[in-house]
Amino acid sequence: MIRHGLIFMRRIICCKVPVIFRVRQMWVKGFAVNSLNRLNSLSRSRKIICGILVFLVFLYLLGSRIPSIGRKSAPVDETASLCIDDNLRFLKSEVKKYDAFINHYPLKAGEQFYPAYVGNGKVSVSLDSEKGMYIRLNRALSLPVKYYPIVTAHLDDYSSKDATVLNIHHGIAEKIQCFEVDKGWRSNCLTVESLVYASRTRPSILVQDIKIRNPSKNSVVVNLDQIGQTQLKDAKVSKASTTDATGMSVEYTSTQGVILIPDSKYKVHIAIATVKIGPSVAIKAGKSVRFHVVTAVNYTQAVDLKSKAPEHLQRSVDQLLESVMKIDYASLREEHIKVWRDIWKSGFGISNSKAAGSLNGDKINTTIYYVLSNIQAPLHELSTTVEEKSKIQKTLHYPDRCYGGHTLLFYSETLWSEIKDEEDIADVTSTWMITLEKKGCNIIVRAGAEGVLQAILLSLGGLRFDDNHLEMSMEPKDLHRDLLFHRLNYGNNTHVNISVIVDLDNKAVIRVSLDRNDRPYYACDAGCIDAPIALSKEVVQFPVKRTEPLTSILYITADKQHMEELKHTIHVKEIKEAPAHEHHVIALHKHGHHFGGLPTIFWASLAFLIIIFHLFLFKLIYNEYCQGQDRYGRTRYSV
């Protein structure tokens, strides 16, 4: 019964299919005939217009399928690109806060290149470069070493995508490579994650942690390139072995050589020890492997060309490498990250500006990071004694007349120049250090990375420590963007927060609070004509006042009597509240033009009206030109 029912249904379907097909065929034929008849009935001018429209549509559709002439582009590997995106997804919040920066290869639209550079004031290296390692010369890590400690991975005959990540909050650079080993399955991409940092607690140590994951169904052989020294003068290379934190035997190479300082009669003796790994590694399906590559570096100050290398130099790096290899890789990394987090407890923020050529958070954060990467942090180094750390703390809490000058935020292009490689970083660092040293911050910058950061923050706000107070000397006309100075050191265990906010009426106001304090603190605005106001964790607001001649707009001190007497030392002709900023200035920062922001519905309505107007205009012209000729022609023949 079921069998007969199925046969019956099949006959019904088979009978209806030709009917449907014939009906559809007749409909298409009828539509085509009607269309041709309508086209033939049109006047010649209308046929030309229709032909032009069809030709333009044809060009549009064809143009998207024809590659640009002369363009040579590799086929986009969509699978590997998706794999890269999967690995970078967790960084969205850090990227949004300008704590991390991503470089795709090639760069994506709107992506700004920032070198994946790490340093600790003694040694530095960049993942985006093939220039090797850099060591200190004068104020920056500007002396190149013909030594390449970074291990690179590659697979032959497999398409791939690369990206680098610079995490300035952690002081870590990372390179991510995705290789498409199984076609069409992004979850089966072989991934190589290479993480590099210059240890903050052990300034002679450079670390590279490599993790290779093979989720595919096939075993894969990954090639590993470890160059080491090339063209290092008087290089002597030896091999040795030690054990790691798990008790496994590890081989390393020990190199000693000389670096000639360009355009001088001096040289530097250097010794380097690096963990040695094999030229390739086979990774089974569904497995992963790790490599912990540690490099120890030590070198002398610049010495005469005739001087000999110290006997202890090579031995010191060997001993240092062997001791660090006994430490678990995760503990070593966390030790480093903690120091960078402590350094970044003080900071600066600025509202984003859409004005052309404006200075924004990405440029400010990366520039400060690159400068700090060229400065050691003795407060956190294991070799620093308790007495030395106490002296550094005192310097940080009581800086001497730093900073003496105008704000470096808007008028110093050389301090915020574009950075492409290690030479640019060294140049910017040297410029910053010279500026700070010559502007009264020569003592605080000796305290290391924390001292340099405090000096930079003071310079951005035109903040200066005087005898018994801290004053802010920015001009009211420059306060057209929101500014935030977080955790400025002032006195023992006291941290000040200062923010400048542009209100809805386009007037700037100053807000001050304390993170913590060991005694009462007071503040007053320009001229100090009003009574001192006590500061606390609660935000206190001050108006921005303008004096003639110009004086500081804010004063902070722990000595109330000093502040009450201060107004008698500020001699000005006039004190009045600063006027509101002009609308076009604020609009330029917020919207990128002087016209201000209008709602999207306004622009959509305007575009709609423009389109309707042009259609109406086209119809008028068409009726006047095309139909007009037909009307005159018909009239002439009718006569």
Foldseek 3Di string as FASTA:
>chain_A
DVVVVVVVVVVVVVVVPVVVVVVVVVVVVVVVVVVVVVLVPDDPVVVVVVVVVVVVVVCVVVVVVDDDPPDDDDDDDVLQVVLVCVVCVVCVVCVVVLQKFKCWVPRDPPHDDDWQKAFAQAKIDTPVDPQAIFGDDPQFRAATAQFHADKDKDAPPWDKIKMKMHRLLQRKIKIKMWTCPDPPHSVQTWIKIWMWYQFQQANQKIKIKIKIFGQDQFKGKMFMDHPTGDPFAPKDKDKDWAAAQVRDIWIKMKIWGKGDDPPDQWIKTKIKIKTDDDRMDIAGHGGMDMDMMMMGMDMDHIDGPPDDDDPCRRVVRVVVVNVVRSDDPVVSSVLRRVVSNVLVQWDKAWDFFLAPPADHDNLVSSLLSLLQSSKHQLLNHPPRDPVRNVVLLVCQQDPAWAAADAAPRPDPQLLRDDDDDDNSSRSNNVVLVVNRCVRRLVRQVVSISSSSRLSNLCRNQVWTDDDFKIFGQYAQLPLQIKMWTWFRRYHDPKGKIWIWDQDPQQFIKIKIAIPDDPAWKWKDFPLLPDQTDIHYRDIDIGFQKAFVVGDTGMMMGRDRVCSVCVSVVDDTDDIDGDDGDDQQVNQCGVPVGRPHDDDPVVVVVVVVVVVVVVVVVVVVVCCCPPVVVVVVVVVVVVD
